[in-house]
Amino acid sequence: MMYRLAVEGVLPHTPPMYRRLSSQLAQARREGRFPDLIDTVREVHVPPAWTDADAFVREMPDWFRLDRTAGQRQALSVAAEKDTLRQQLTGWLEFAGIPVRHRV
């Protein structure tokens, strides 16, 4: 939540603000005033499946992508420290073919 609010310019990205927000959100969760967030660590990843071969063939063209960095000496990529941020950046940059890496 902190990273999203900091990126939007709603809160300053400082350790004291992070601690304060964390404390307030924990209290709100205990009181049932804060919605569940996506937990990417516990997400169940299910392999894609299709009802039949024709359904698979219809979807295949949507998956085709050229490697936009093929043959280039340098390539642009974005690194994200937090997995939640990586998912958000991937959603924003996928159309342009820009890879997003999760920096560990």
C-alpha atoms as a PDB file:
ATOM      1  CA  MET A   1       0.000   0.000   0.000  1.00  0.00           C
ATOM      2  CA  MET A   2       2.823   2.393   0.897  1.00  0.00           C
ATOM      3  CA  TYR A   3       4.518   2.060  -2.466  1.00  0.00           C
ATOM      4  CA  ARG A   4       1.301   2.676  -4.341  1.00  0.00           C
ATOM      5  CA  LEU A   5       0.502   5.788  -2.294  1.00  0.00           C
ATOM      6  CA  ALA A   6       4.065   7.087  -2.614  1.00  0.00           C
ATOM      7  CA  VAL A   7       4.082   6.591  -6.400  1.00  0.00           C
ATOM      8  CA  GLU A   8       0.778   8.457  -6.648  1.00  0.00           C
ATOM      9  CA  GLY A   9       2.263  11.305  -4.579  1.00  0.00           C
ATOM     10  CA  VAL A  10      -0.304  10.886  -1.799  1.00  0.00           C
ATOM     11  CA  LEU A  11       2.266  10.186   0.943  1.00  0.00           C
ATOM     12  CA  PRO A  12       5.983  10.893   1.222  1.00  0.00           C
ATOM     13  CA  HIS A  13       8.146   7.773   0.949  1.00  0.00           C
ATOM     14  CA  THR A  14       9.890   7.976   4.318  1.00  0.00           C
ATOM     15  CA  PRO A  15      10.492   5.412   7.085  1.00  0.00           C
ATOM     16  CA  PRO A  16       8.356   7.311   9.644  1.00  0.00           C
ATOM     17  CA  MET A  17       5.442   7.532   7.195  1.00  0.00           C
ATOM     18  CA  TYR A  18       5.816   3.819   6.368  1.00  0.00           C
ATOM     19  CA  ARG A  19       5.658   2.895  10.076  1.00  0.00           C
ATOM     20  CA  ARG A  20       2.674   5.173  10.677  1.00  0.00           C
ATOM     21  CA  LEU A  21       0.737   3.833   7.697  1.00  0.00           C
ATOM     22  CA  SER A  22       1.572   0.241   8.659  1.00  0.00           C
ATOM     23  CA  SER A  23       0.288   0.819  12.188  1.00  0.00           C
ATOM     24  CA  GLN A  24      -2.914   2.474  10.977  1.00  0.00           C
ATOM     25  CA  LEU A  25      -3.626  -0.237   8.399  1.00  0.00           C
ATOM     26  CA  ALA A  26      -2.992  -3.009  10.944  1.00  0.00           C
ATOM     27  CA  GLN A  27      -5.489  -1.365  13.303  1.00  0.00           C
ATOM     28  CA  ALA A  28      -8.030  -0.956  10.498  1.00  0.00           C
ATOM     29  CA  ARG A  29      -7.640  -4.651   9.550  1.00  0.00           C
ATOM     30  CA  ARG A  30      -8.172  -5.721  13.165  1.00  0.00           C
ATOM     31  CA  GLU A  31     -11.347  -3.623  13.268  1.00  0.00           C
ATOM     32  CA  GLY A  32     -12.583  -4.962   9.922  1.00  0.00           C
ATOM     33  CA  ARG A  33     -12.349  -1.539   8.233  1.00  0.00           C
ATOM     34  CA  PHE A  34      -9.751  -2.440   5.600  1.00  0.00           C
ATOM     35  CA  PRO A  35     -10.330  -4.757   2.603  1.00  0.00           C
ATOM     36  CA  ASP A  36      -8.212  -7.807   1.874  1.00  0.00           C
ATOM     37  CA  LEU A  37      -5.292  -7.100  -0.436  1.00  0.00           C
ATOM     38  CA  ILE A  38      -3.894  -9.361  -3.119  1.00  0.00           C
ATOM     39  CA  ASP A  39      -1.322 -11.654  -1.575  1.00  0.00           C
ATOM     40  CA  THR A  40       0.984 -12.600  -4.449  1.00  0.00           C
ATOM     41  CA  VAL A  41       3.051 -14.880  -2.238  1.00  0.00           C
ATOM     42  CA  ARG A  42       0.143 -17.249  -1.613  1.00  0.00           C
ATOM     43  CA  GLU A  43      -1.403 -17.037  -5.078  1.00  0.00           C
ATOM     44  CA  VAL A  44      -2.226 -20.352  -6.715  1.00  0.00           C
ATOM     45  CA  HIS A  45      -0.748 -20.462 -10.190  1.00  0.00           C
ATOM     46  CA  VAL A  46      -2.855 -22.712 -12.398  1.00  0.00           C
ATOM     47  CA  PRO A  47      -1.450 -23.718 -15.788  1.00  0.00           C
ATOM     48  CA  PRO A  48      -3.595 -22.568 -18.695  1.00  0.00           C
ATOM     49  CA  ALA A  49      -6.101 -25.087 -20.031  1.00  0.00           C
ATOM     50  CA  TRP A  50      -8.599 -25.091 -22.877  1.00  0.00           C
ATOM     51  CA  THR A  51     -11.832 -26.916 -23.505  1.00  0.00           C
ATOM     52  CA  ASP A  52     -10.496 -28.325 -26.792  1.00  0.00           C
ATOM     53  CA  ALA A  53      -7.810 -27.818 -29.454  1.00  0.00           C
ATOM     54  CA  ASP A  54      -9.966 -25.334 -31.388  1.00  0.00           C
ATOM     55  CA  ALA A  55     -10.230 -23.069 -28.325  1.00  0.00           C
ATOM     56  CA  PHE A  56      -6.445 -23.199 -27.961  1.00  0.00           C
ATOM     57  CA  VAL A  57      -5.878 -22.312 -31.624  1.00  0.00           C
ATOM     58  CA  ARG A  58      -8.289 -19.351 -31.350  1.00  0.00           C
ATOM     59  CA  GLU A  59      -6.312 -17.904 -28.410  1.00  0.00           C
ATOM     60  CA  MET A  60      -2.823 -18.514 -29.797  1.00  0.00           C
ATOM     61  CA  PRO A  61      -2.563 -15.319 -31.917  1.00  0.00           C
ATOM     62  CA  ASP A  62      -3.040 -13.198 -28.776  1.00  0.00           C
ATOM     63  CA  TRP A  63       0.102 -14.755 -27.278  1.00  0.00           C
ATOM     64  CA  PHE A  64       2.428 -14.031 -30.182  1.00  0.00           C
ATOM     65  CA  ARG A  65       5.118 -11.442 -29.380  1.00  0.00           C
ATOM     66  CA  LEU A  66       8.382 -10.618 -31.079  1.00  0.00           C
ATOM     67  CA  ASP A  67      11.416 -10.059 -28.876  1.00  0.00           C
ATOM     68  CA  ARG A  68      11.826  -6.312 -29.316  1.00  0.00           C
ATOM     69  CA  THR A  69      15.391  -6.511 -28.035  1.00  0.00           C
ATOM     70  CA  ALA A  70      16.629  -9.131 -30.529  1.00  0.00           C
ATOM     71  CA  GLY A  71      19.803  -7.947 -32.217  1.00  0.00           C
ATOM     72  CA  GLN A  72      20.245  -4.890 -30.010  1.00  0.00           C
ATOM     73  CA  ARG A  73      23.454  -4.226 -28.107  1.00  0.00           C
ATOM     74  CA  GLN A  74      21.485  -2.771 -25.187  1.00  0.00           C
ATOM     75  CA  ALA A  75      17.971  -3.425 -23.980  1.00  0.00           C
ATOM     76  CA  LEU A  76      15.615  -1.556 -21.702  1.00  0.00           C
ATOM     77  CA  SER A  77      14.158  -3.344 -18.703  1.00  0.00           C
ATOM     78  CA  VAL A  78      12.616  -2.196 -15.444  1.00  0.00           C
ATOM     79  CA  ALA A  79      13.513  -3.612 -12.025  1.00  0.00           C
ATOM     80  CA  ALA A  80      11.121  -3.705  -9.100  1.00  0.00           C
ATOM     81  CA  GLU A  81      12.111  -4.428  -5.521  1.00  0.00           C
ATOM     82  CA  LYS A  82       8.692  -5.641  -4.390  1.00  0.00           C
ATOM     83  CA  ASP A  83       6.748  -8.362  -6.211  1.00  0.00           C
ATOM     84  CA  THR A  84       3.513  -6.370  -5.929  1.00  0.00           C
ATOM     85  CA  LEU A  85       5.170  -3.457  -7.701  1.00  0.00           C
ATOM     86  CA  ARG A  86       6.559  -5.835 -10.338  1.00  0.00           C
ATOM     87  CA  GLN A  87       3.040  -6.994 -11.136  1.00  0.00           C
ATOM     88  CA  GLN A  88       1.771  -3.440 -11.408  1.00  0.00           C
ATOM     89  CA  LEU A  89       4.649  -2.386 -13.668  1.00  0.00           C
ATOM     90  CA  THR A  90       4.199  -5.487 -15.826  1.00  0.00           C
ATOM     91  CA  GLY A  91       0.566  -4.532 -16.383  1.00  0.00           C
ATOM     92  CA  TRP A  92       1.584  -1.040 -17.462  1.00  0.00           C
ATOM     93  CA  LEU A  93       4.535  -2.020 -19.692  1.00  0.00           C
ATOM     94  CA  GLU A  94       3.524  -5.339 -21.243  1.00  0.00           C
ATOM     95  CA  PHE A  95       1.965  -3.693 -24.318  1.00  0.00           C
ATOM     96  CA  ALA A  96       5.363  -2.151 -25.150  1.00  0.00           C
ATOM     97  CA  GLY A  97       7.275  -5.404 -24.676  1.00  0.00           C
ATOM     98  CA  ILE A  98       9.380  -3.963 -21.839  1.00  0.00           C
ATOM     99  CA  PRO A  99      10.450  -6.709 -19.433  1.00  0.00           C
ATOM    100  CA  VAL A 100      10.066  -6.149 -15.692  1.00  0.00           C
ATOM    101  CA  ARG A 101      12.399  -7.979 -13.360  1.00  0.00           C
ATOM    102  CA  HIS A 102      11.850  -8.708  -9.681  1.00  0.00           C
ATOM    103  CA  ARG A 103      15.030  -7.598  -7.954  1.00  0.00           C
ATOM    104  CA  VAL A 104      15.784  -9.828  -4.988  1.00  0.00           C
END
